PDB file of N, CA and C in Angstrom:
ATOM      1  N   MET A   1       6.927  29.657 -61.430  1.00  0.00           N
ATOM      2  CA  MET A   1       5.899  29.569 -60.398  1.00  0.00           C
ATOM      3  C   MET A   1       5.791  28.104 -59.953  1.00  0.00           C
ATOM      4  N   SER A   2       5.820  27.885 -58.656  1.00  0.00           N
ATOM      5  CA  SER A   2       5.715  26.514 -58.159  1.00  0.00           C
ATOM      6  C   SER A   2       4.251  26.081 -58.078  1.00  0.00           C
ATOM      7  N   LYS A   3       4.052  24.789 -57.980  1.00  0.00           N
ATOM      8  CA  LYS A   3       2.691  24.234 -57.939  1.00  0.00           C
ATOM      9  C   LYS A   3       1.894  24.785 -56.757  1.00  0.00           C
ATOM     10  N   GLY A   4       2.535  24.938 -55.597  1.00  0.00           N
ATOM     11  CA  GLY A   4       1.853  25.457 -54.417  1.00  0.00           C
ATOM     12  C   GLY A   4       1.360  26.884 -54.581  1.00  0.00           C
ATOM     13  N   GLU A   5       2.056  27.675 -55.400  1.00  0.00           N
ATOM     14  CA  GLU A   5       1.640  29.057 -55.607  1.00  0.00           C
ATOM     15  C   GLU A   5       0.385  29.144 -56.484  1.00  0.00           C
ATOM     16  N   ARG A   6       0.200  28.188 -57.359  1.00  0.00           N
ATOM     17  CA  ARG A   6      -0.971  28.208 -58.231  1.00  0.00           C
ATOM     18  C   ARG A   6      -2.190  27.594 -57.554  1.00  0.00           C
ATOM     19  N   PHE A   7      -1.953  26.696 -56.606  1.00  0.00           N
ATOM     20  CA  PHE A   7      -3.045  25.987 -55.949  1.00  0.00           C
ATOM     21  C   PHE A   7      -2.948  26.149 -54.430  1.00  0.00           C
ATOM     22  N   PRO A   8      -3.318  27.319 -53.898  1.00  0.00           N
ATOM     23  CA  PRO A   8      -3.155  27.540 -52.459  1.00  0.00           C
ATOM     24  C   PRO A   8      -3.994  26.598 -51.596  1.00  0.00           C
ATOM     25  N   MET A   9      -5.078  26.039 -52.138  1.00  0.00           N
ATOM     26  CA  MET A   9      -5.918  25.143 -51.344  1.00  0.00           C
ATOM     27  C   MET A   9      -5.226  23.826 -51.015  1.00  0.00           C
ATOM     28  N   LEU A  10      -4.243  23.412 -51.821  1.00  0.00           N
ATOM     29  CA  LEU A  10      -3.571  22.150 -51.558  1.00  0.00           C
ATOM     30  C   LEU A  10      -2.942  22.146 -50.177  1.00  0.00           C
ATOM     31  N   GLY A  11      -2.441  23.266 -49.736  1.00  0.00           N
ATOM     32  CA  GLY A  11      -1.815  23.335 -48.428  1.00  0.00           C
ATOM     33  C   GLY A  11      -2.775  23.627 -47.301  1.00  0.00           C
ATOM     34  N   SER A  12      -3.924  24.197 -47.604  1.00  0.00           N
ATOM     35  CA  SER A  12      -4.823  24.620 -46.535  1.00  0.00           C
ATOM     36  C   SER A  12      -6.021  23.700 -46.339  1.00  0.00           C
ATOM     37  N   LEU A  13      -6.227  22.736 -47.200  1.00  0.00           N
ATOM     38  CA  LEU A  13      -7.406  21.888 -47.101  1.00  0.00           C
ATOM     39  C   LEU A  13      -7.316  20.926 -45.924  1.00  0.00           C
ATOM     40  N   ASN A  14      -6.196  20.250 -45.739  1.00  0.00           N
ATOM     41  CA  ASN A  14      -6.070  19.297 -44.637  1.00  0.00           C
ATOM     42  C   ASN A  14      -6.232  19.962 -43.272  1.00  0.00           C
ATOM     43  N   PRO A  15      -5.590  21.109 -43.006  1.00  0.00           N
ATOM     44  CA  PRO A  15      -5.827  21.757 -41.711  1.00  0.00           C
ATOM     45  C   PRO A  15      -7.290  22.150 -41.506  1.00  0.00           C
ATOM     46  N   SER A  16      -7.983  22.463 -42.574  1.00  0.00           N
ATOM     47  CA  SER A  16      -9.403  22.796 -42.457  1.00  0.00           C
ATOM     48  C   SER A  16     -10.201  21.596 -41.979  1.00  0.00           C
ATOM     49  N   PHE A  17      -9.919  20.424 -42.574  1.00  0.00           N
ATOM     50  CA  PHE A  17     -10.596  19.203 -42.149  1.00  0.00           C
ATOM     51  C   PHE A  17     -10.246  18.850 -40.706  1.00  0.00           C
ATOM     52  N   GLU A  18      -9.007  19.090 -40.318  1.00  0.00           N
ATOM     53  CA  GLU A  18      -8.598  18.809 -38.937  1.00  0.00           C
ATOM     54  C   GLU A  18      -9.343  19.705 -37.956  1.00  0.00           C
ATOM     55  N   ALA A  19      -9.546  20.960 -38.312  1.00  0.00           N
ATOM     56  CA  ALA A  19     -10.273  21.882 -37.440  1.00  0.00           C
ATOM     57  C   ALA A  19     -11.738  21.467 -37.306  1.00  0.00           C
ATOM     58  N   ILE A  20     -12.344  21.050 -38.404  1.00  0.00           N
ATOM     59  CA  ILE A  20     -13.732  20.589 -38.356  1.00  0.00           C
ATOM     60  C   ILE A  20     -13.842  19.338 -37.485  1.00  0.00           C
ATOM     61  N   SER A  21     -12.905  18.419 -37.655  1.00  0.00           N
ATOM     62  CA  SER A  21     -12.910  17.190 -36.852  1.00  0.00           C
ATOM     63  C   SER A  21     -12.730  17.503 -35.373  1.00  0.00           C
ATOM     64  N   ALA A  22     -11.868  18.450 -35.067  1.00  0.00           N
ATOM     65  CA  ALA A  22     -11.650  18.830 -33.670  1.00  0.00           C
ATOM     66  C   ALA A  22     -12.920  19.427 -33.066  1.00  0.00           C
ATOM     67  N   CYS A  23     -13.663  20.181 -33.854  1.00  0.00           N
ATOM     68  CA  CYS A  23     -14.924  20.759 -33.383  1.00  0.00           C
ATOM     69  C   CYS A  23     -15.926  19.655 -33.068  1.00  0.00           C
ATOM     70  N   HIS A  24     -16.031  18.662 -33.956  1.00  0.00           N
ATOM     71  CA  HIS A  24     -16.926  17.521 -33.714  1.00  0.00           C
ATOM     72  C   HIS A  24     -16.517  16.778 -32.435  1.00  0.00           C
ATOM     73  N   LEU A  25     -15.228  16.519 -32.283  1.00  0.00           N
ATOM     74  CA  LEU A  25     -14.726  15.785 -31.120  1.00  0.00           C
ATOM     75  C   LEU A  25     -14.977  16.556 -29.826  1.00  0.00           C
ATOM     76  N   LEU A  26     -14.739  17.847 -29.830  1.00  0.00           N
ATOM     77  CA  LEU A  26     -14.956  18.654 -28.630  1.00  0.00           C
ATOM     78  C   LEU A  26     -16.421  18.628 -28.203  1.00  0.00           C
ATOM     79  N   ALA A  27     -17.324  18.807 -29.158  1.00  0.00           N
ATOM     80  CA  ALA A  27     -18.755  18.787 -28.834  1.00  0.00           C
ATOM     81  C   ALA A  27     -19.156  17.424 -28.282  1.00  0.00           C
ATOM     82  N   ARG A  28     -18.671  16.355 -28.918  1.00  0.00           N
ATOM     83  CA  ARG A  28     -19.029  15.005 -28.472  1.00  0.00           C
ATOM     84  C   ARG A  28     -18.471  14.728 -27.075  1.00  0.00           C
ATOM     85  N   SER A  29     -17.227  15.126 -26.824  1.00  0.00           N
ATOM     86  CA  SER A  29     -16.618  14.842 -25.520  1.00  0.00           C
ATOM     87  C   SER A  29     -17.272  15.633 -24.392  1.00  0.00           C
ATOM     88  N   ARG A  30     -17.832  16.801 -24.721  1.00  0.00           N
ATOM     89  CA  ARG A  30     -18.521  17.608 -23.709  1.00  0.00           C
ATOM     90  C   ARG A  30     -19.992  17.237 -23.577  1.00  0.00           C
ATOM     91  N   GLY A  31     -20.485  16.395 -24.477  1.00  0.00           N
ATOM     92  CA  GLY A  31     -21.899  16.031 -24.459  1.00  0.00           C
ATOM     93  C   GLY A  31     -22.798  17.167 -24.893  1.00  0.00           C
ATOM     94  N   GLU A  32     -22.269  18.053 -25.720  1.00  0.00           N
ATOM     95  CA  GLU A  32     -23.023  19.210 -26.201  1.00  0.00           C
ATOM     96  C   GLU A  32     -23.463  18.984 -27.648  1.00  0.00           C
ATOM     97  N   PRO A  33     -24.478  19.725 -28.099  1.00  0.00           N
ATOM     98  CA  PRO A  33     -24.869  19.642 -29.503  1.00  0.00           C
ATOM     99  C   PRO A  33     -23.711  20.094 -30.403  1.00  0.00           C
ATOM    100  N   ASP A  34     -23.554  19.438 -31.515  1.00  0.00           N
ATOM    101  CA  ASP A  34     -22.480  19.771 -32.449  1.00  0.00           C
ATOM    102  C   ASP A  34     -22.864  21.041 -33.209  1.00  0.00           C
ATOM    103  N   PRO A  35     -22.078  22.120 -33.094  1.00  0.00           N
ATOM    104  CA  PRO A  35     -22.451  23.378 -33.754  1.00  0.00           C
ATOM    105  C   PRO A  35     -22.446  23.294 -35.272  1.00  0.00           C
ATOM    106  N   ILE A  36     -21.643  22.404 -35.825  1.00  0.00           N
ATOM    107  CA  ILE A  36     -21.620  22.256 -37.282  1.00  0.00           C
ATOM    108  C   ILE A  36     -22.918  21.620 -37.759  1.00  0.00           C
ATOM    109  N   TYR A  37     -23.350  20.561 -37.087  1.00  0.00           N
ATOM    110  CA  TYR A  37     -24.606  19.917 -37.466  1.00  0.00           C
ATOM    111  C   TYR A  37     -25.781  20.854 -37.222  1.00  0.00           C
ATOM    112  N   GLU A  38     -25.727  21.629 -36.167  1.00  0.00           N
ATOM    113  CA  GLU A  38     -26.798  22.592 -35.892  1.00  0.00           C
ATOM    114  C   GLU A  38     -26.873  23.637 -36.998  1.00  0.00           C
ATOM    115  N   ALA A  39     -25.722  24.094 -37.474  1.00  0.00           N
ATOM    116  CA  ALA A  39     -25.704  25.086 -38.554  1.00  0.00           C
ATOM    117  C   ALA A  39     -26.318  24.511 -39.826  1.00  0.00           C
ATOM    118  N   VAL A  40     -26.014  23.243 -40.122  1.00  0.00           N
ATOM    119  CA  VAL A  40     -26.583  22.600 -41.310  1.00  0.00           C
ATOM    120  C   VAL A  40     -28.101  22.486 -41.180  1.00  0.00           C
ATOM    121  N   LYS A  41     -28.567  22.161 -39.979  1.00  0.00           N
ATOM    122  CA  LYS A  41     -30.010  22.036 -39.765  1.00  0.00           C
ATOM    123  C   LYS A  41     -30.728  23.370 -39.911  1.00  0.00           C
ATOM    124  N   ASN A  42     -30.077  24.457 -39.497  1.00  0.00           N
ATOM    125  CA  ASN A  42     -30.727  25.764 -39.435  1.00  0.00           C
ATOM    126  C   ASN A  42     -30.502  26.657 -40.647  1.00  0.00           C
ATOM    127  N   CYS A  43     -29.670  26.226 -41.592  1.00  0.00           N
ATOM    128  CA  CYS A  43     -29.364  27.052 -42.759  1.00  0.00           C
ATOM    129  C   CYS A  43     -29.747  26.276 -44.018  1.00  0.00           C
ATOM    130  N   ASP A  44     -30.698  26.795 -44.757  1.00  0.00           N
ATOM    131  CA  ASP A  44     -31.192  26.100 -45.947  1.00  0.00           C
ATOM    132  C   ASP A  44     -30.089  25.838 -46.970  1.00  0.00           C
ATOM    133  N   ILE A  45     -29.215  26.807 -47.181  1.00  0.00           N
ATOM    134  CA  ILE A  45     -28.154  26.642 -48.178  1.00  0.00           C
ATOM    135  C   ILE A  45     -27.201  25.518 -47.767  1.00  0.00           C
ATOM    136  N   LEU A  46     -26.796  25.496 -46.502  1.00  0.00           N
ATOM    137  CA  LEU A  46     -25.916  24.428 -46.028  1.00  0.00           C
ATOM    138  C   LEU A  46     -26.616  23.078 -46.067  1.00  0.00           C
ATOM    139  N   SER A  47     -27.886  23.069 -45.733  1.00  0.00           N
ATOM    140  CA  SER A  47     -28.652  21.830 -45.752  1.00  0.00           C
ATOM    141  C   SER A  47     -28.734  21.256 -47.163  1.00  0.00           C
ATOM    142  N   GLU A  48     -29.003  22.107 -48.136  1.00  0.00           N
ATOM    143  CA  GLU A  48     -29.067  21.651 -49.530  1.00  0.00           C
ATOM    144  C   GLU A  48     -27.710  21.143 -50.006  1.00  0.00           C
ATOM    145  N   ALA A  49     -26.642  21.830 -49.623  1.00  0.00           N
ATOM    146  CA  ALA A  49     -25.298  21.400 -50.020  1.00  0.00           C
ATOM    147  C   ALA A  49     -24.958  20.051 -49.396  1.00  0.00           C
ATOM    148  N   ALA A  50     -25.309  19.847 -48.142  1.00  0.00           N
ATOM    149  CA  ALA A  50     -25.024  18.581 -47.478  1.00  0.00           C
ATOM    150  C   ALA A  50     -25.786  17.439 -48.129  1.00  0.00           C
ATOM    151  N   GLN A  51     -26.995  17.701 -48.599  1.00  0.00           N
ATOM    152  CA  GLN A  51     -27.793  16.654 -49.230  1.00  0.00           C
ATOM    153  C   GLN A  51     -27.190  16.196 -50.555  1.00  0.00           C
ATOM    154  N   VAL A  52     -26.410  17.059 -51.198  1.00  0.00           N
ATOM    155  CA  VAL A  52     -25.730  16.673 -52.436  1.00  0.00           C
ATOM    156  C   VAL A  52     -24.723  15.553 -52.134  1.00  0.00           C
ATOM    157  N   PHE A  53     -24.003  15.696 -51.025  1.00  0.00           N
ATOM    158  CA  PHE A  53     -22.976  14.719 -50.655  1.00  0.00           C
ATOM    159  C   PHE A  53     -23.514  13.570 -49.833  1.00  0.00           C
ATOM    160  N   PHE A  54     -24.560  13.822 -49.071  1.00  0.00           N
ATOM    161  CA  PHE A  54     -25.123  12.810 -48.181  1.00  0.00           C
ATOM    162  C   PHE A  54     -26.633  12.728 -48.392  1.00  0.00           C
ATOM    163  N   PRO A  55     -27.062  12.157 -49.518  1.00  0.00           N
ATOM    164  CA  PRO A  55     -28.518  12.085 -49.772  1.00  0.00           C
ATOM    165  C   PRO A  55     -29.220  11.207 -48.751  1.00  0.00           C
ATOM    166  N   ARG A  56     -30.448  11.531 -48.483  1.00  0.00           N
ATOM    167  CA  ARG A  56     -31.226  10.783 -47.498  1.00  0.00           C
ATOM    168  C   ARG A  56     -31.779   9.517 -48.079  1.00  0.00           C
TER     169      ARG A  56
END
């Protein structure tokens, strides 16, 4: 078994970050509210998780 077969996230994590970054860039370039930040504001679970990484 190769390393990639045991750890499928190793190959899929970077594209995930790229997609999130593209979403931020699109919202900013259009002058629209960022849907990711809006989701964090409106969802208690996401808000609590974000505070773990980005304490106020």
